[in-house]
PDB file of N, CA and C in Angstrom:
ATOM      1  N   MET A   1      21.990 -61.620  15.849  1.00  0.00           N
ATOM      2  CA  MET A   1      21.951 -60.493  14.955  1.00  0.00           C
ATOM      3  C   MET A   1      21.413 -59.277  15.711  1.00  0.00           C
ATOM      4  N   GLU A   2      22.010 -58.123  15.476  1.00  0.00           N
ATOM      5  CA  GLU A   2      21.617 -56.896  16.159  1.00  0.00           C
ATOM      6  C   GLU A   2      20.442 -56.225  15.447  1.00  0.00           C
ATOM      7  N   PRO A   3      19.614 -55.469  16.207  1.00  0.00           N
ATOM      8  CA  PRO A   3      18.526 -54.733  15.564  1.00  0.00           C
ATOM      9  C   PRO A   3      19.067 -53.685  14.596  1.00  0.00           C
ATOM     10  N   PRO A   4      18.250 -53.265  13.608  1.00  0.00           N
ATOM     11  CA  PRO A   4      18.742 -52.331  12.588  1.00  0.00           C
ATOM     12  C   PRO A   4      19.211 -51.003  13.160  1.00  0.00           C
ATOM     13  N   GLU A   5      18.590 -50.527  14.259  1.00  0.00           N
ATOM     14  CA  GLU A   5      19.026 -49.238  14.783  1.00  0.00           C
ATOM     15  C   GLU A   5      20.426 -49.300  15.374  1.00  0.00           C
ATOM     16  N   LYS A   6      20.869 -50.470  15.770  1.00  0.00           N
ATOM     17  CA  LYS A   6      22.244 -50.596  16.272  1.00  0.00           C
ATOM     18  C   LYS A   6      23.233 -50.816  15.137  1.00  0.00           C
ATOM     19  N   GLN A   7      22.776 -51.417  14.035  1.00  0.00           N
ATOM     20  CA  GLN A   7      23.658 -51.627  12.897  1.00  0.00           C
ATOM     21  C   GLN A   7      23.968 -50.311  12.187  1.00  0.00           C
ATOM     22  N   TYR A   8      22.942 -49.442  12.067  1.00  0.00           N
ATOM     23  CA  TYR A   8      23.105 -48.176  11.367  1.00  0.00           C
ATOM     24  C   TYR A   8      22.701 -47.038  12.317  1.00  0.00           C
ATOM     25  N   PRO A   9      23.562 -46.616  13.199  1.00  0.00           N
ATOM     26  CA  PRO A   9      23.165 -45.642  14.218  1.00  0.00           C
ATOM     27  C   PRO A   9      22.888 -44.239  13.677  1.00  0.00           C
ATOM     28  N   ASN A  10      23.436 -43.863  12.533  1.00  0.00           N
ATOM     29  CA  ASN A  10      23.269 -42.503  12.023  1.00  0.00           C
ATOM     30  C   ASN A  10      22.013 -42.321  11.176  1.00  0.00           C
ATOM     31  N   GLU A  11      21.338 -43.401  10.791  1.00  0.00           N
ATOM     32  CA  GLU A  11      20.157 -43.308   9.954  1.00  0.00           C
ATOM     33  C   GLU A  11      18.887 -43.509  10.798  1.00  0.00           C
ATOM     34  N   PRO A  12      17.852 -42.761  10.485  1.00  0.00           N
ATOM     35  CA  PRO A  12      16.589 -42.993  11.208  1.00  0.00           C
ATOM     36  C   PRO A  12      15.999 -44.347  10.827  1.00  0.00           C
ATOM     37  N   ARG A  13      15.150 -44.850  11.681  1.00  0.00           N
ATOM     38  CA  ARG A  13      14.596 -46.178  11.458  1.00  0.00           C
ATOM     39  C   ARG A  13      13.730 -46.216  10.198  1.00  0.00           C
ATOM     40  N   TYR A  14      12.867 -45.211  10.028  1.00  0.00           N
ATOM     41  CA  TYR A  14      12.044 -45.130   8.836  1.00  0.00           C
ATOM     42  C   TYR A  14      12.434 -43.885   8.067  1.00  0.00           C
ATOM     43  N   LYS A  15      12.783 -44.063   6.819  1.00  0.00           N
ATOM     44  CA  LYS A  15      13.167 -42.917   6.000  1.00  0.00           C
ATOM     45  C   LYS A  15      11.912 -42.243   5.464  1.00  0.00           C
ATOM     46  N   PRO A  16      11.793 -40.943   5.626  1.00  0.00           N
ATOM     47  CA  PRO A  16      10.632 -40.257   5.062  1.00  0.00           C
ATOM     48  C   PRO A  16      10.752 -40.161   3.541  1.00  0.00           C
ATOM     49  N   ARG A  17       9.636 -40.082   2.875  1.00  0.00           N
ATOM     50  CA  ARG A  17       9.671 -39.900   1.426  1.00  0.00           C
ATOM     51  C   ARG A  17      10.185 -38.509   1.115  1.00  0.00           C
ATOM     52  N   ARG A  18      10.887 -38.436   0.048  1.00  0.00           N
ATOM     53  CA  ARG A  18      11.424 -37.140  -0.365  1.00  0.00           C
ATOM     54  C   ARG A  18      10.693 -36.701  -1.619  1.00  0.00           C
ATOM     55  N   THR A  19       9.964 -35.597  -1.514  1.00  0.00           N
ATOM     56  CA  THR A  19       9.257 -35.086  -2.682  1.00  0.00           C
ATOM     57  C   THR A  19       9.973 -33.890  -3.274  1.00  0.00           C
ATOM     58  N   ARG A  20      10.897 -33.352  -2.549  1.00  0.00           N
ATOM     59  CA  ARG A  20      11.593 -32.172  -3.050  1.00  0.00           C
ATOM     60  C   ARG A  20      12.435 -32.543  -4.270  1.00  0.00           C
ATOM     61  N   GLY A  21      12.274 -31.729  -5.313  1.00  0.00           N
ATOM     62  CA  GLY A  21      13.025 -31.985  -6.536  1.00  0.00           C
ATOM     63  C   GLY A  21      12.272 -32.830  -7.543  1.00  0.00           C
ATOM     64  N   THR A  22      11.113 -33.331  -7.195  1.00  0.00           N
ATOM     65  CA  THR A  22      10.345 -34.151  -8.129  1.00  0.00           C
ATOM     66  C   THR A  22       9.392 -33.260  -8.931  1.00  0.00           C
ATOM     67  N   PRO A  23       8.918 -33.730 -10.070  1.00  0.00           N
ATOM     68  CA  PRO A  23       7.970 -32.931 -10.861  1.00  0.00           C
ATOM     69  C   PRO A  23       6.679 -32.610 -10.096  1.00  0.00           C
ATOM     70  N   SER A  24       6.202 -33.536  -9.285  1.00  0.00           N
ATOM     71  CA  SER A  24       4.971 -33.273  -8.543  1.00  0.00           C
ATOM     72  C   SER A  24       5.175 -32.132  -7.535  1.00  0.00           C
ATOM     73  N   TYR A  25       6.345 -32.050  -6.952  1.00  0.00           N
ATOM     74  CA  TYR A  25       6.656 -30.962  -6.022  1.00  0.00           C
ATOM     75  C   TYR A  25       6.641 -29.625  -6.759  1.00  0.00           C
ATOM     76  N   PHE A  26       7.244 -29.602  -7.950  1.00  0.00           N
ATOM     77  CA  PHE A  26       7.298 -28.375  -8.745  1.00  0.00           C
ATOM     78  C   PHE A  26       5.889 -27.927  -9.149  1.00  0.00           C
ATOM     79  N   TYR A  27       5.082 -28.851  -9.683  1.00  0.00           N
ATOM     80  CA  TYR A  27       3.746 -28.483 -10.146  1.00  0.00           C
ATOM     81  C   TYR A  27       2.815 -28.143  -8.984  1.00  0.00           C
ATOM     82  N   ARG A  28       3.013 -28.763  -7.836  1.00  0.00           N
ATOM     83  CA  ARG A  28       2.232 -28.391  -6.664  1.00  0.00           C
ATOM     84  C   ARG A  28       2.497 -26.945  -6.287  1.00  0.00           C
ATOM     85  N   ASN A  29       3.761 -26.544  -6.311  1.00  0.00           N
ATOM     86  CA  ASN A  29       4.113 -25.167  -5.974  1.00  0.00           C
ATOM     87  C   ASN A  29       3.581 -24.179  -7.019  1.00  0.00           C
ATOM     88  N   VAL A  30       3.630 -24.553  -8.286  1.00  0.00           N
ATOM     89  CA  VAL A  30       3.100 -23.684  -9.342  1.00  0.00           C
ATOM     90  C   VAL A  30       1.595 -23.517  -9.162  1.00  0.00           C
ATOM     91  N   PHE A  31       0.887 -24.605  -8.901  1.00  0.00           N
ATOM     92  CA  PHE A  31      -0.552 -24.533  -8.702  1.00  0.00           C
ATOM     93  C   PHE A  31      -0.890 -23.658  -7.501  1.00  0.00           C
ATOM     94  N   ALA A  32      -0.200 -23.835  -6.395  1.00  0.00           N
ATOM     95  CA  ALA A  32      -0.469 -23.040  -5.199  1.00  0.00           C
ATOM     96  C   ALA A  32      -0.175 -21.565  -5.456  1.00  0.00           C
ATOM     97  N   SER A  33       0.906 -21.268  -6.159  1.00  0.00           N
ATOM     98  CA  SER A  33       1.243 -19.877  -6.460  1.00  0.00           C
ATOM     99  C   SER A  33       0.180 -19.235  -7.353  1.00  0.00           C
ATOM    100  N   CYS A  34      -0.300 -19.969  -8.352  1.00  0.00           N
ATOM    101  CA  CYS A  34      -1.340 -19.447  -9.238  1.00  0.00           C
ATOM    102  C   CYS A  34      -2.639 -19.218  -8.471  1.00  0.00           C
ATOM    103  N   PHE A  35      -2.972 -20.118  -7.577  1.00  0.00           N
ATOM    104  CA  PHE A  35      -4.190 -19.981  -6.777  1.00  0.00           C
ATOM    105  C   PHE A  35      -4.125 -18.733  -5.898  1.00  0.00           C
ATOM    106  N   ILE A  36      -3.006 -18.526  -5.254  1.00  0.00           N
ATOM    107  CA  ILE A  36      -2.838 -17.346  -4.390  1.00  0.00           C
ATOM    108  C   ILE A  36      -2.850 -16.070  -5.224  1.00  0.00           C
ATOM    109  N   ALA A  37      -2.168 -16.081  -6.380  1.00  0.00           N
ATOM    110  CA  ALA A  37      -2.127 -14.899  -7.237  1.00  0.00           C
ATOM    111  C   ALA A  37      -3.521 -14.557  -7.768  1.00  0.00           C
ATOM    112  N   PHE A  38      -4.296 -15.564  -8.148  1.00  0.00           N
ATOM    113  CA  PHE A  38      -5.655 -15.309  -8.624  1.00  0.00           C
ATOM    114  C   PHE A  38      -6.506 -14.712  -7.507  1.00  0.00           C
ATOM    115  N   GLY A  39      -6.387 -15.221  -6.302  1.00  0.00           N
ATOM    116  CA  GLY A  39      -7.139 -14.684  -5.175  1.00  0.00           C
ATOM    117  C   GLY A  39      -6.795 -13.232  -4.902  1.00  0.00           C
ATOM    118  N   ILE A  40      -5.525 -12.901  -4.954  1.00  0.00           N
ATOM    119  CA  ILE A  40      -5.101 -11.518  -4.732  1.00  0.00           C
ATOM    120  C   ILE A  40      -5.623 -10.613  -5.843  1.00  0.00           C
ATOM    121  N   ALA A  41      -5.528 -11.059  -7.099  1.00  0.00           N
ATOM    122  CA  ALA A  41      -5.989 -10.250  -8.227  1.00  0.00           C
ATOM    123  C   ALA A  41      -7.502 -10.038  -8.166  1.00  0.00           C
ATOM    124  N   PHE A  42      -8.252 -11.078  -7.836  1.00  0.00           N
ATOM    125  CA  PHE A  42      -9.703 -10.962  -7.778  1.00  0.00           C
ATOM    126  C   PHE A  42     -10.137 -10.028  -6.646  1.00  0.00           C
ATOM    127  N   THR A  43      -9.492 -10.149  -5.496  1.00  0.00           N
ATOM    128  CA  THR A  43      -9.810  -9.270  -4.377  1.00  0.00           C
ATOM    129  C   THR A  43      -9.477  -7.824  -4.713  1.00  0.00           C
ATOM    130  N   THR A  44      -8.354  -7.611  -5.363  1.00  0.00           N
ATOM    131  CA  THR A  44      -7.977  -6.262  -5.771  1.00  0.00           C
ATOM    132  C   THR A  44      -9.009  -5.691  -6.739  1.00  0.00           C
ATOM    133  N   PHE A  45      -9.453  -6.516  -7.680  1.00  0.00           N
ATOM    134  CA  PHE A  45     -10.474  -6.076  -8.620  1.00  0.00           C
ATOM    135  C   PHE A  45     -11.747  -5.666  -7.900  1.00  0.00           C
ATOM    136  N   LEU A  46     -12.176  -6.485  -6.935  1.00  0.00           N
ATOM    137  CA  LEU A  46     -13.417  -6.189  -6.232  1.00  0.00           C
ATOM    138  C   LEU A  46     -13.320  -4.956  -5.339  1.00  0.00           C
ATOM    139  N   GLU A  47     -12.159  -4.649  -4.855  1.00  0.00           N
ATOM    140  CA  GLU A  47     -12.024  -3.532  -3.927  1.00  0.00           C
ATOM    141  C   GLU A  47     -11.677  -2.207  -4.606  1.00  0.00           C
ATOM    142  N   LEU A  48     -10.966  -2.252  -5.701  1.00  0.00           N
ATOM    143  CA  LEU A  48     -10.442  -1.025  -6.289  1.00  0.00           C
ATOM    144  C   LEU A  48     -11.202  -0.516  -7.506  1.00  0.00           C
ATOM    145  N   THR A  49     -12.023  -1.340  -8.118  1.00  0.00           N
ATOM    146  CA  THR A  49     -12.743  -0.873  -9.298  1.00  0.00           C
ATOM    147  C   THR A  49     -14.153  -0.436  -8.911  1.00  0.00           C
ATOM    148  N   PRO A  50     -14.750   0.485  -9.675  1.00  0.00           N
ATOM    149  CA  PRO A  50     -16.076   0.982  -9.309  1.00  0.00           C
ATOM    150  C   PRO A  50     -17.231   0.040  -9.679  1.00  0.00           C
ATOM    151  N   ALA A  51     -17.006  -0.913 -10.562  1.00  0.00           N
ATOM    152  CA  ALA A  51     -18.098  -1.789 -11.004  1.00  0.00           C
ATOM    153  C   ALA A  51     -18.718  -2.580  -9.847  1.00  0.00           C
ATOM    154  N   PRO A  52     -17.953  -3.251  -8.996  1.00  0.00           N
ATOM    155  CA  PRO A  52     -18.588  -3.989  -7.900  1.00  0.00           C
ATOM    156  C   PRO A  52     -19.354  -3.087  -6.934  1.00  0.00           C
ATOM    157  N   ALA A  53     -18.930  -1.851  -6.777  1.00  0.00           N
ATOM    158  CA  ALA A  53     -19.680  -0.922  -5.924  1.00  0.00           C
ATOM    159  C   ALA A  53     -21.051  -0.646  -6.533  1.00  0.00           C
ATOM    160  N   ARG A  54     -21.094  -0.508  -7.853  1.00  0.00           N
ATOM    161  CA  ARG A  54     -22.384  -0.315  -8.526  1.00  0.00           C
ATOM    162  C   ARG A  54     -23.255  -1.561  -8.388  1.00  0.00           C
ATOM    163  N   TRP A  55     -22.630  -2.741  -8.489  1.00  0.00           N
ATOM    164  CA  TRP A  55     -23.386  -3.986  -8.331  1.00  0.00           C
ATOM    165  C   TRP A  55     -24.007  -4.057  -6.942  1.00  0.00           C
ATOM    166  N   ARG A  56     -23.225  -3.743  -5.929  1.00  0.00           N
ATOM    167  CA  ARG A  56     -23.748  -3.778  -4.565  1.00  0.00           C
ATOM    168  C   ARG A  56     -24.879  -2.768  -4.395  1.00  0.00           C
ATOM    169  N   GLN A  57     -24.737  -1.591  -5.003  1.00  0.00           N
ATOM    170  CA  GLN A  57     -25.776  -0.570  -4.905  1.00  0.00           C
ATOM    171  C   GLN A  57     -27.068  -1.038  -5.571  1.00  0.00           C
ATOM    172  N   ARG A  58     -26.958  -1.674  -6.739  1.00  0.00           N
ATOM    173  CA  ARG A  58     -28.147  -2.165  -7.435  1.00  0.00           C
ATOM    174  C   ARG A  58     -28.842  -3.262  -6.636  1.00  0.00           C
ATOM    175  N   ILE A  59     -28.075  -4.098  -5.971  1.00  0.00           N
ATOM    176  CA  ILE A  59     -28.675  -5.154  -5.161  1.00  0.00           C
ATOM    177  C   ILE A  59     -29.421  -4.540  -3.983  1.00  0.00           C
ATOM    178  N   LYS A  60     -28.833  -3.514  -3.364  1.00  0.00           N
ATOM    179  CA  LYS A  60     -29.499  -2.841  -2.254  1.00  0.00           C
ATOM    180  C   LYS A  60     -30.787  -2.152  -2.696  1.00  0.00           C
ATOM    181  N   GLU A  61     -30.822  -1.661  -3.924  1.00  0.00           N
ATOM    182  CA  GLU A  61     -32.007  -0.975  -4.442  1.00  0.00           C
ATOM    183  C   GLU A  61     -33.109  -1.932  -4.862  1.00  0.00           C
ATOM    184  N   GLY A  62     -32.834  -3.218  -4.884  1.00  0.00           N
ATOM    185  CA  GLY A  62     -33.874  -4.191  -5.218  1.00  0.00           C
ATOM    186  C   GLY A  62     -33.797  -4.711  -6.635  1.00  0.00           C
ATOM    187  N   PHE A  63     -32.637  -4.699  -7.240  1.00  0.00           N
ATOM    188  CA  PHE A  63     -32.492  -5.178  -8.611  1.00  0.00           C
ATOM    189  C   PHE A  63     -32.854  -6.652  -8.737  1.00  0.00           C
ATOM    190  N   LEU A  64     -32.559  -7.447  -7.703  1.00  0.00           N
ATOM    191  CA  LEU A  64     -32.816  -8.882  -7.770  1.00  0.00           C
ATOM    192  C   LEU A  64     -34.196  -9.263  -7.252  1.00  0.00           C
ATOM    193  N   ASP A  65     -34.983  -8.294  -6.791  1.00  0.00           N
ATOM    194  CA  ASP A  65     -36.325  -8.587  -6.322  1.00  0.00           C
ATOM    195  C   ASP A  65     -37.224  -8.977  -7.499  1.00  0.00           C
ATOM    196  N   ALA A  66     -38.234  -9.769  -7.194  1.00  0.00           N
ATOM    197  CA  ALA A  66     -39.146 -10.224  -8.249  1.00  0.00           C
ATOM    198  C   ALA A  66     -40.026  -9.074  -8.727  1.00  0.00           C
ATOM    199  N   SER A  67     -40.198  -8.975 -10.029  1.00  0.00           N
ATOM    200  CA  SER A  67     -41.056  -7.936 -10.593  1.00  0.00           C
ATOM    201  C   SER A  67     -42.521  -8.359 -10.507  1.00  0.00           C
ATOM    202  N   HIS A  68     -43.406  -7.420 -10.813  1.00  0.00           N
ATOM    203  CA  HIS A  68     -44.844  -7.699 -10.769  1.00  0.00           C
ATOM    204  C   HIS A  68     -45.211  -8.792 -11.776  1.00  0.00           C
ATOM    205  N   GLU A  69     -44.631  -8.754 -12.971  1.00  0.00           N
ATOM    206  CA  GLU A  69     -44.921  -9.760 -13.993  1.00  0.00           C
ATOM    207  C   GLU A  69     -44.466 -11.147 -13.539  1.00  0.00           C
ATOM    208  N   GLU A  70     -43.305 -11.194 -12.897  1.00  0.00           N
ATOM    209  CA  GLU A  70     -42.800 -12.485 -12.431  1.00  0.00           C
ATOM    210  C   GLU A  70     -43.690 -13.057 -11.329  1.00  0.00           C
ATOM    211  N   LEU A  71     -44.170 -12.209 -10.445  1.00  0.00           N
ATOM    212  CA  LEU A  71     -45.072 -12.678  -9.394  1.00  0.00           C
ATOM    213  C   LEU A  71     -46.382 -13.192  -9.974  1.00  0.00           C
ATOM    214  N   GLU A  72     -46.906 -12.493 -10.990  1.00  0.00           N
ATOM    215  CA  GLU A  72     -48.131 -12.962 -11.644  1.00  0.00           C
ATOM    216  C   GLU A  72     -47.906 -14.299 -12.335  1.00  0.00           C
ATOM    217  N   ARG A  73     -46.771 -14.459 -12.988  1.00  0.00           N
ATOM    218  CA  ARG A  73     -46.461 -15.722 -13.662  1.00  0.00           C
ATOM    219  C   ARG A  73     -46.369 -16.868 -12.650  1.00  0.00           C
ATOM    220  N   LYS A  74     -45.752 -16.630 -11.515  1.00  0.00           N
ATOM    221  CA  LYS A  74     -45.652 -17.668 -10.492  1.00  0.00           C
ATOM    222  C   LYS A  74     -47.025 -18.024  -9.930  1.00  0.00           C
ATOM    223  N   GLU A  75     -47.881 -17.016  -9.759  1.00  0.00           N
ATOM    224  CA  GLU A  75     -49.236 -17.268  -9.271  1.00  0.00           C
ATOM    225  C   GLU A  75     -50.016 -18.105 -10.280  1.00  0.00           C
ATOM    226  N   LEU A  76     -49.868 -17.806 -11.578  1.00  0.00           N
ATOM    227  CA  LEU A  76     -50.541 -18.580 -12.613  1.00  0.00           C
ATOM    228  C   LEU A  76     -50.052 -20.027 -12.609  1.00  0.00           C
ATOM    229  N   ILE A  77     -48.762 -20.227 -12.461  1.00  0.00           N
ATOM    230  CA  ILE A  77     -48.206 -21.585 -12.408  1.00  0.00           C
ATOM    231  C   ILE A  77     -48.743 -22.317 -11.183  1.00  0.00           C
ATOM    232  N   ARG A  78     -48.814 -21.614 -10.064  1.00  0.00           N
ATOM    233  CA  ARG A  78     -49.308 -22.237  -8.836  1.00  0.00           C
ATOM    234  C   ARG A  78     -50.754 -22.675  -8.989  1.00  0.00           C
ATOM    235  N   LEU A  79     -51.565 -21.841  -9.636  1.00  0.00           N
ATOM    236  CA  LEU A  79     -52.974 -22.179  -9.807  1.00  0.00           C
ATOM    237  C   LEU A  79     -53.169 -23.330 -10.786  1.00  0.00           C
ATOM    238  N   THR A  80     -52.364 -23.375 -11.845  1.00  0.00           N
ATOM    239  CA  THR A  80     -52.527 -24.436 -12.837  1.00  0.00           C
ATOM    240  C   THR A  80     -51.872 -25.740 -12.400  1.00  0.00           C
ATOM    241  N   ALA A  81     -50.996 -25.685 -11.413  1.00  0.00           N
ATOM    242  CA  ALA A  81     -50.302 -26.902 -10.983  1.00  0.00           C
ATOM    243  C   ALA A  81     -51.095 -27.677  -9.940  1.00  0.00           C
ATOM    244  N   GLY A  82     -52.247 -27.160  -9.538  1.00  0.00           N
ATOM    245  CA  GLY A  82     -53.067 -27.895  -8.589  1.00  0.00           C
ATOM    246  C   GLY A  82     -52.835 -27.492  -7.149  1.00  0.00           C
ATOM    247  N   PHE A  83     -52.199 -26.370  -6.922  1.00  0.00           N
ATOM    248  CA  PHE A  83     -51.965 -25.913  -5.561  1.00  0.00           C
ATOM    249  C   PHE A  83     -53.004 -24.872  -5.143  1.00  0.00           C
ATOM    250  N   ALA A  84     -54.141 -24.868  -5.775  1.00  0.00           N
ATOM    251  CA  ALA A  84     -55.160 -23.873  -5.464  1.00  0.00           C
ATOM    252  C   ALA A  84     -55.795 -24.120  -4.100  1.00  0.00           C
ATOM    253  N   GLU A  85     -55.595 -25.306  -3.526  1.00  0.00           N
ATOM    254  CA  GLU A  85     -56.179 -25.616  -2.226  1.00  0.00           C
ATOM    255  C   GLU A  85     -55.429 -24.941  -1.087  1.00  0.00           C
ATOM    256  N   LEU A  86     -54.267 -24.421  -1.352  1.00  0.00           N
ATOM    257  CA  LEU A  86     -53.461 -23.840  -0.284  1.00  0.00           C
ATOM    258  C   LEU A  86     -54.146 -22.676   0.427  1.00  0.00           C
ATOM    259  N   PRO A  87     -54.853 -21.770  -0.252  1.00  0.00           N
ATOM    260  CA  PRO A  87     -55.534 -20.714   0.500  1.00  0.00           C
ATOM    261  C   PRO A  87     -56.569 -21.264   1.475  1.00  0.00           C
ATOM    262  N   LYS A  88     -57.249 -22.350   1.098  1.00  0.00           N
ATOM    263  CA  LYS A  88     -58.208 -22.958   2.009  1.00  0.00           C
ATOM    264  C   LYS A  88     -57.493 -23.456   3.259  1.00  0.00           C
ATOM    265  N   THR A  89     -56.362 -24.076   3.057  1.00  0.00           N
ATOM    266  CA  THR A  89     -55.577 -24.559   4.187  1.00  0.00           C
ATOM    267  C   THR A  89     -55.109 -23.380   5.038  1.00  0.00           C
ATOM    268  N   LYS A  90     -54.727 -22.300   4.379  1.00  0.00           N
ATOM    269  CA  LYS A  90     -54.287 -21.120   5.109  1.00  0.00           C
ATOM    270  C   LYS A  90     -55.432 -20.553   5.952  1.00  0.00           C
ATOM    271  N   GLU A  91     -56.643 -20.544   5.380  1.00  0.00           N
ATOM    272  CA  GLU A  91     -57.797 -20.057   6.138  1.00  0.00           C
ATOM    273  C   GLU A  91     -58.061 -20.933   7.354  1.00  0.00           C
ATOM    274  N   LYS A  92     -57.942 -22.244   7.186  1.00  0.00           N
ATOM    275  CA  LYS A  92     -58.139 -23.146   8.324  1.00  0.00           C
ATOM    276  C   LYS A  92     -57.109 -22.881   9.416  1.00  0.00           C
ATOM    277  N   ILE A  93     -55.881 -22.676   9.011  1.00  0.00           N
ATOM    278  CA  ILE A  93     -54.823 -22.401   9.984  1.00  0.00           C
ATOM    279  C   ILE A  93     -55.122 -21.115  10.742  1.00  0.00           C
ATOM    280  N   LEU A  94     -55.545 -20.079  10.011  1.00  0.00           N
ATOM    281  CA  LEU A  94     -55.862 -18.812  10.671  1.00  0.00           C
ATOM    282  C   LEU A  94     -57.047 -18.956  11.621  1.00  0.00           C
ATOM    283  N   GLU A  95     -58.060 -19.741  11.229  1.00  0.00           N
ATOM    284  CA  GLU A  95     -59.198 -19.975  12.126  1.00  0.00           C
ATOM    285  C   GLU A  95     -58.749 -20.678  13.398  1.00  0.00           C
ATOM    286  N   ASN A  96     -57.893 -21.678  13.242  1.00  0.00           N
ATOM    287  CA  ASN A  96     -57.392 -22.384  14.421  1.00  0.00           C
ATOM    288  C   ASN A  96     -56.589 -21.456  15.328  1.00  0.00           C
ATOM    289  N   LEU A  97     -55.804 -20.571  14.722  1.00  0.00           N
ATOM    290  CA  LEU A  97     -55.041 -19.621  15.531  1.00  0.00           C
ATOM    291  C   LEU A  97     -55.969 -18.681  16.284  1.00  0.00           C
ATOM    292  N   GLU A  98     -57.033 -18.216  15.620  1.00  0.00           N
ATOM    293  CA  GLU A  98     -57.987 -17.347  16.300  1.00  0.00           C
ATOM    294  C   GLU A  98     -58.659 -18.071  17.459  1.00  0.00           C
ATOM    295  N   MET A  99     -58.999 -19.340  17.251  1.00  0.00           N
ATOM    296  CA  MET A  99     -59.606 -20.118  18.334  1.00  0.00           C
ATOM    297  C   MET A  99     -58.615 -20.292  19.485  1.00  0.00           C
ATOM    298  N   ASP A 100     -57.360 -20.547  19.164  1.00  0.00           N
ATOM    299  CA  ASP A 100     -56.348 -20.688  20.205  1.00  0.00           C
ATOM    300  C   ASP A 100     -56.196 -19.400  20.995  1.00  0.00           C
ATOM    301  N   GLU A 101     -56.201 -18.258  20.272  1.00  0.00           N
ATOM    302  CA  GLU A 101     -56.099 -16.976  20.965  1.00  0.00           C
ATOM    303  C   GLU A 101     -57.309 -16.742  21.863  1.00  0.00           C
ATOM    304  N   LYS A 102     -58.479 -17.148  21.380  1.00  0.00           N
ATOM    305  CA  LYS A 102     -59.692 -16.975  22.173  1.00  0.00           C
ATOM    306  C   LYS A 102     -59.603 -17.800  23.447  1.00  0.00           C
ATOM    307  N   TRP A 103     -59.164 -19.039  23.323  1.00  0.00           N
ATOM    308  CA  TRP A 103     -59.029 -19.897  24.497  1.00  0.00           C
ATOM    309  C   TRP A 103     -57.930 -19.395  25.425  1.00  0.00           C
ATOM    310  N   ALA A 104     -56.888 -18.803  24.871  1.00  0.00           N
ATOM    311  CA  ALA A 104     -55.798 -18.309  25.702  1.00  0.00           C
ATOM    312  C   ALA A 104     -56.230 -17.084  26.500  1.00  0.00           C
ATOM    313  N   THR A 105     -57.166 -16.275  25.956  1.00  0.00           N
ATOM    314  CA  THR A 105     -57.588 -15.066  26.668  1.00  0.00           C
ATOM    315  C   THR A 105     -58.720 -15.332  27.645  1.00  0.00           C
ATOM    316  N   MET A 106     -59.296 -16.524  27.593  1.00  0.00           N
ATOM    317  CA  MET A 106     -60.388 -16.823  28.523  1.00  0.00           C
ATOM    318  C   MET A 106     -59.857 -16.950  29.938  1.00  0.00           C
ATOM    319  N   ASN A 107     -60.589 -16.407  30.868  1.00  0.00           N
ATOM    320  CA  ASN A 107     -60.244 -16.540  32.267  1.00  0.00           C
ATOM    321  C   ASN A 107     -60.942 -17.792  32.784  1.00  0.00           C
ATOM    322  N   VAL A 108     -60.195 -18.767  33.193  1.00  0.00           N
ATOM    323  CA  VAL A 108     -60.754 -20.061  33.571  1.00  0.00           C
ATOM    324  C   VAL A 108     -61.594 -19.955  34.830  1.00  0.00           C
ATOM    325  N   TYR A 109     -61.197 -19.068  35.741  1.00  0.00           N
ATOM    326  CA  TYR A 109     -61.877 -19.020  37.032  1.00  0.00           C
ATOM    327  C   TYR A 109     -63.203 -18.266  36.986  1.00  0.00           C
ATOM    328  N   THR A 110     -63.322 -17.258  36.126  1.00  0.00           N
ATOM    329  CA  THR A 110     -64.556 -16.464  36.107  1.00  0.00           C
ATOM    330  C   THR A 110     -65.433 -16.750  34.891  1.00  0.00           C
ATOM    331  N   LYS A 111     -64.978 -17.654  34.035  1.00  0.00           N
ATOM    332  CA  LYS A 111     -65.698 -17.987  32.805  1.00  0.00           C
ATOM    333  C   LYS A 111     -65.859 -16.765  31.905  1.00  0.00           C
ATOM    334  N   ASP A 112     -64.902 -15.845  31.993  1.00  0.00           N
ATOM    335  CA  ASP A 112     -64.925 -14.639  31.177  1.00  0.00           C
ATOM    336  C   ASP A 112     -64.318 -14.970  29.817  1.00  0.00           C
ATOM    337  N   THR A 113     -64.930 -14.523  28.732  1.00  0.00           N
ATOM    338  CA  THR A 113     -64.425 -14.825  27.392  1.00  0.00           C
ATOM    339  C   THR A 113     -63.381 -13.829  26.934  1.00  0.00           C
ATOM    340  N   GLY A 114     -63.056 -12.844  27.727  1.00  0.00           N
ATOM    341  CA  GLY A 114     -62.029 -11.887  27.357  1.00  0.00           C
ATOM    342  C   GLY A 114     -62.548 -10.732  26.542  1.00  0.00           C
ATOM    343  N   LYS A 115     -63.834 -10.597  26.383  1.00  0.00           N
ATOM    344  CA  LYS A 115     -64.398  -9.508  25.588  1.00  0.00           C
ATOM    345  C   LYS A 115     -64.789  -8.359  26.466  1.00  0.00           C
TER     346      LYS A 115
END
């Protein structure tokens, strides 16, 4: 018996699946077209209308920055949640940094403290 490629010389050995003409092919194209159209419309909206320019300006001016009341509320939450020890830790860190700076400025050969 001959191999299949010799029996049927005009056909490829493996036939690829054909999706063209099927409902999934149609809906895939509709979905892709809608996605591209939405992207174009949204970009046009952002570039041509004045509202997004105002939004960008407000963000630059600090509209999203925390207000004084919000900072006080966060500080109150921090104190009541048991994180009041953090300033002590911060002080220790700063003391260690000062000691490191002192040791870094000392001249080892002359025993000079850098003052």
